[in-house]
Amino acid sequence: MFKGPINAEVNDLVINSDGKIAYSRGVQHVSGTTNEDTPFDATFRITDVYRNSHGKWVIVQEHILVPPHAARW
């Protein structure tokens, strides 16, 4: 989707776990240039749910909230 490097910043990251299951939530700001040479600049709220499977954390669900003004691609 992007041509060249992207800039990504994570803010307000919260992670909670009981050792078997965990979730994280945070706000990510991403900017760069698309493959169509269009500037891209958007902020998302991302929530992930993880399960500890044999010592490795695996994402079992992800929710990405895209503000309406950013949903143009």
N, C-alpha and C. Protein backbone atom coordinates (compact mmCIF):
# COMPACT_ATOMS: atom_id res chain seq x y z
N MET A 1 0.82 -1.20 0.00
CA MET A 1 0.00 0.00 0.00
C MET A 1 0.86 1.26 0.00
N PHE A 2 2.09 1.19 0.55
CA PHE A 2 2.94 2.36 0.66
C PHE A 2 4.17 2.26 -0.22
N LYS A 3 4.55 3.39 -0.74
CA LYS A 3 5.80 3.51 -1.48
C LYS A 3 6.82 4.11 -0.51
N GLY A 4 7.92 3.42 -0.33
CA GLY A 4 8.95 3.95 0.55
C GLY A 4 8.60 3.78 2.02
N PRO A 5 9.33 4.48 2.87
CA PRO A 5 9.13 4.31 4.32
C PRO A 5 7.82 4.94 4.79
N ILE A 6 7.34 4.45 5.93
CA ILE A 6 6.18 5.06 6.58
C ILE A 6 6.61 5.52 7.96
N ASN A 7 5.87 6.44 8.48
CA ASN A 7 6.07 6.91 9.86
C ASN A 7 4.91 6.37 10.69
N ALA A 8 5.22 5.73 11.80
CA ALA A 8 4.19 5.20 12.68
C ALA A 8 4.52 5.57 14.12
N GLU A 9 3.50 6.03 14.82
CA GLU A 9 3.66 6.45 16.21
C GLU A 9 2.53 5.83 17.02
N VAL A 10 2.86 5.21 18.15
CA VAL A 10 1.87 4.60 19.03
C VAL A 10 1.76 5.44 20.29
N ASN A 11 0.55 5.79 20.67
CA ASN A 11 0.28 6.57 21.87
C ASN A 11 -0.78 5.89 22.71
N ASP A 12 -0.81 6.23 23.98
CA ASP A 12 -1.84 5.75 24.91
C ASP A 12 -1.94 4.22 24.92
N LEU A 13 -0.82 3.53 24.79
CA LEU A 13 -0.81 2.07 24.77
C LEU A 13 -1.07 1.51 26.17
N VAL A 14 -2.05 0.61 26.26
CA VAL A 14 -2.39 -0.08 27.50
C VAL A 14 -2.39 -1.57 27.20
N ILE A 15 -1.71 -2.36 28.04
CA ILE A 15 -1.67 -3.81 27.88
C ILE A 15 -2.06 -4.45 29.21
N ASN A 16 -2.98 -5.40 29.16
CA ASN A 16 -3.40 -6.13 30.35
C ASN A 16 -3.35 -7.62 30.06
N SER A 17 -2.92 -8.41 31.05
CA SER A 17 -2.81 -9.85 30.85
C SER A 17 -2.98 -10.59 32.17
N ASP A 18 -3.50 -11.81 32.07
CA ASP A 18 -3.53 -12.70 33.23
C ASP A 18 -2.57 -13.87 33.02
N GLY A 19 -1.74 -13.81 31.98
CA GLY A 19 -0.78 -14.86 31.67
C GLY A 19 -1.26 -15.84 30.62
N LYS A 20 -2.59 -15.95 30.45
CA LYS A 20 -3.15 -16.85 29.45
C LYS A 20 -3.77 -16.08 28.28
N ILE A 21 -4.37 -14.95 28.61
CA ILE A 21 -5.00 -14.10 27.61
C ILE A 21 -4.62 -12.66 27.92
N ALA A 22 -4.56 -11.85 26.89
CA ALA A 22 -4.18 -10.44 27.08
C ALA A 22 -4.91 -9.59 26.05
N TYR A 23 -4.96 -8.30 26.34
CA TYR A 23 -5.44 -7.37 25.32
C TYR A 23 -4.60 -6.11 25.38
N SER A 24 -4.55 -5.46 24.25
CA SER A 24 -3.86 -4.17 24.18
C SER A 24 -4.76 -3.22 23.42
N ARG A 25 -4.62 -1.95 23.75
CA ARG A 25 -5.33 -0.92 23.00
C ARG A 25 -4.42 0.30 22.94
N GLY A 26 -4.52 1.00 21.85
CA GLY A 26 -3.70 2.18 21.69
C GLY A 26 -4.13 2.97 20.47
N VAL A 27 -3.55 4.12 20.34
CA VAL A 27 -3.82 5.00 19.21
C VAL A 27 -2.57 5.04 18.34
N GLN A 28 -2.75 4.76 17.05
CA GLN A 28 -1.62 4.77 16.13
C GLN A 28 -1.81 5.85 15.07
N HIS A 29 -0.77 6.63 14.87
CA HIS A 29 -0.76 7.63 13.82
C HIS A 29 0.20 7.14 12.74
N VAL A 30 -0.29 7.05 11.50
CA VAL A 30 0.51 6.53 10.38
C VAL A 30 0.51 7.56 9.27
N SER A 31 1.69 7.80 8.70
CA SER A 31 1.77 8.71 7.55
C SER A 31 2.81 8.20 6.57
N GLY A 32 2.64 8.56 5.33
CA GLY A 32 3.56 8.15 4.27
C GLY A 32 2.98 8.51 2.92
N THR A 33 3.52 7.90 1.89
CA THR A 33 3.05 8.12 0.52
C THR A 33 2.57 6.78 -0.04
N THR A 34 1.36 6.77 -0.59
CA THR A 34 0.81 5.53 -1.13
C THR A 34 1.49 5.17 -2.44
N ASN A 35 1.23 3.95 -2.91
CA ASN A 35 1.76 3.52 -4.21
C ASN A 35 1.25 4.38 -5.36
N GLU A 36 0.15 5.09 -5.14
CA GLU A 36 -0.40 6.00 -6.15
C GLU A 36 0.12 7.43 -5.98
N ASP A 37 1.19 7.60 -5.20
CA ASP A 37 1.81 8.91 -4.93
C ASP A 37 0.88 9.88 -4.22
N THR A 38 -0.04 9.37 -3.43
CA THR A 38 -0.95 10.20 -2.66
C THR A 38 -0.48 10.25 -1.21
N PRO A 39 -0.41 11.43 -0.62
CA PRO A 39 -0.04 11.50 0.80
C PRO A 39 -1.09 10.80 1.65
N PHE A 40 -0.63 10.07 2.65
CA PHE A 40 -1.51 9.35 3.57
C PHE A 40 -1.18 9.80 4.98
N ASP A 41 -2.20 10.18 5.74
CA ASP A 41 -2.00 10.62 7.11
C ASP A 41 -3.28 10.29 7.87
N ALA A 42 -3.21 9.32 8.78
CA ALA A 42 -4.42 8.90 9.48
C ALA A 42 -4.08 8.44 10.89
N THR A 43 -5.09 8.51 11.74
CA THR A 43 -4.98 8.04 13.12
C THR A 43 -6.04 6.98 13.35
N PHE A 44 -5.63 5.87 13.98
CA PHE A 44 -6.51 4.74 14.23
C PHE A 44 -6.46 4.37 15.71
N ARG A 45 -7.55 3.80 16.21
CA ARG A 45 -7.54 3.16 17.52
C ARG A 45 -7.54 1.67 17.25
N ILE A 46 -6.54 0.97 17.80
CA ILE A 46 -6.40 -0.46 17.55
C ILE A 46 -6.49 -1.22 18.87
N THR A 47 -7.33 -2.25 18.87
CA THR A 47 -7.46 -3.14 20.01
C THR A 47 -7.15 -4.56 19.55
N ASP A 48 -6.24 -5.23 20.23
CA ASP A 48 -5.89 -6.61 19.92
C ASP A 48 -6.15 -7.49 21.13
N VAL A 49 -6.60 -8.72 20.87
CA VAL A 49 -6.74 -9.73 21.92
C VAL A 49 -5.76 -10.84 21.58
N TYR A 50 -5.00 -11.28 22.58
CA TYR A 50 -3.94 -12.29 22.39
C TYR A 50 -4.23 -13.50 23.27
N ARG A 51 -3.75 -14.67 22.81
CA ARG A 51 -3.80 -15.88 23.61
C ARG A 51 -2.38 -16.43 23.69
N ASN A 52 -1.99 -16.85 24.86
CA ASN A 52 -0.68 -17.45 25.04
C ASN A 52 -0.78 -18.92 24.65
N SER A 53 -0.14 -19.27 23.55
CA SER A 53 -0.19 -20.62 23.03
C SER A 53 1.22 -21.20 23.02
N HIS A 54 1.49 -22.12 23.94
CA HIS A 54 2.80 -22.77 24.03
C HIS A 54 3.94 -21.75 24.17
N GLY A 55 3.69 -20.72 24.98
CA GLY A 55 4.72 -19.73 25.26
C GLY A 55 4.82 -18.59 24.26
N LYS A 56 3.97 -18.59 23.24
CA LYS A 56 3.97 -17.51 22.25
C LYS A 56 2.62 -16.81 22.27
N TRP A 57 2.66 -15.47 22.22
CA TRP A 57 1.43 -14.70 22.18
C TRP A 57 0.94 -14.60 20.75
N VAL A 58 -0.30 -15.02 20.52
CA VAL A 58 -0.91 -15.05 19.20
C VAL A 58 -2.12 -14.12 19.20
N ILE A 59 -2.21 -13.26 18.20
CA ILE A 59 -3.39 -12.39 18.09
C ILE A 59 -4.57 -13.25 17.65
N VAL A 60 -5.65 -13.22 18.43
CA VAL A 60 -6.83 -13.99 18.09
C VAL A 60 -7.98 -13.10 17.62
N GLN A 61 -7.87 -11.80 17.88
CA GLN A 61 -8.85 -10.85 17.36
C GLN A 61 -8.22 -9.48 17.31
N GLU A 62 -8.55 -8.74 16.25
CA GLU A 62 -8.07 -7.38 16.12
C GLU A 62 -9.21 -6.50 15.66
N HIS A 63 -9.32 -5.34 16.28
CA HIS A 63 -10.34 -4.36 15.88
C HIS A 63 -9.63 -3.05 15.60
N ILE A 64 -9.87 -2.50 14.41
CA ILE A 64 -9.28 -1.23 14.02
C ILE A 64 -10.41 -0.24 13.78
N LEU A 65 -10.42 0.81 14.55
CA LEU A 65 -11.42 1.86 14.40
C LEU A 65 -10.82 2.95 13.53
N VAL A 66 -11.44 3.18 12.40
CA VAL A 66 -10.99 4.20 11.46
C VAL A 66 -11.97 5.37 11.53
N PRO A 67 -11.49 6.56 11.87
CA PRO A 67 -12.39 7.72 11.87
C PRO A 67 -13.01 7.90 10.49
N PRO A 68 -14.26 8.32 10.40
CA PRO A 68 -14.93 8.44 9.09
C PRO A 68 -14.17 9.26 8.07
N HIS A 69 -13.50 10.32 8.48
CA HIS A 69 -12.80 11.17 7.52
C HIS A 69 -11.57 10.48 6.95
N ALA A 70 -11.09 9.39 7.59
CA ALA A 70 -9.89 8.70 7.12
C ALA A 70 -10.23 7.51 6.21
N ALA A 71 -11.49 7.16 6.12
CA ALA A 71 -11.89 5.96 5.37
C ALA A 71 -12.05 6.27 3.89
N ARG A 72 -11.01 6.78 3.26
CA ARG A 72 -11.10 7.16 1.85
C ARG A 72 -10.37 6.22 0.94
N TRP A 73 -9.64 5.26 1.47
CA TRP A 73 -8.93 4.34 0.59
C TRP A 73 -9.77 3.12 0.45
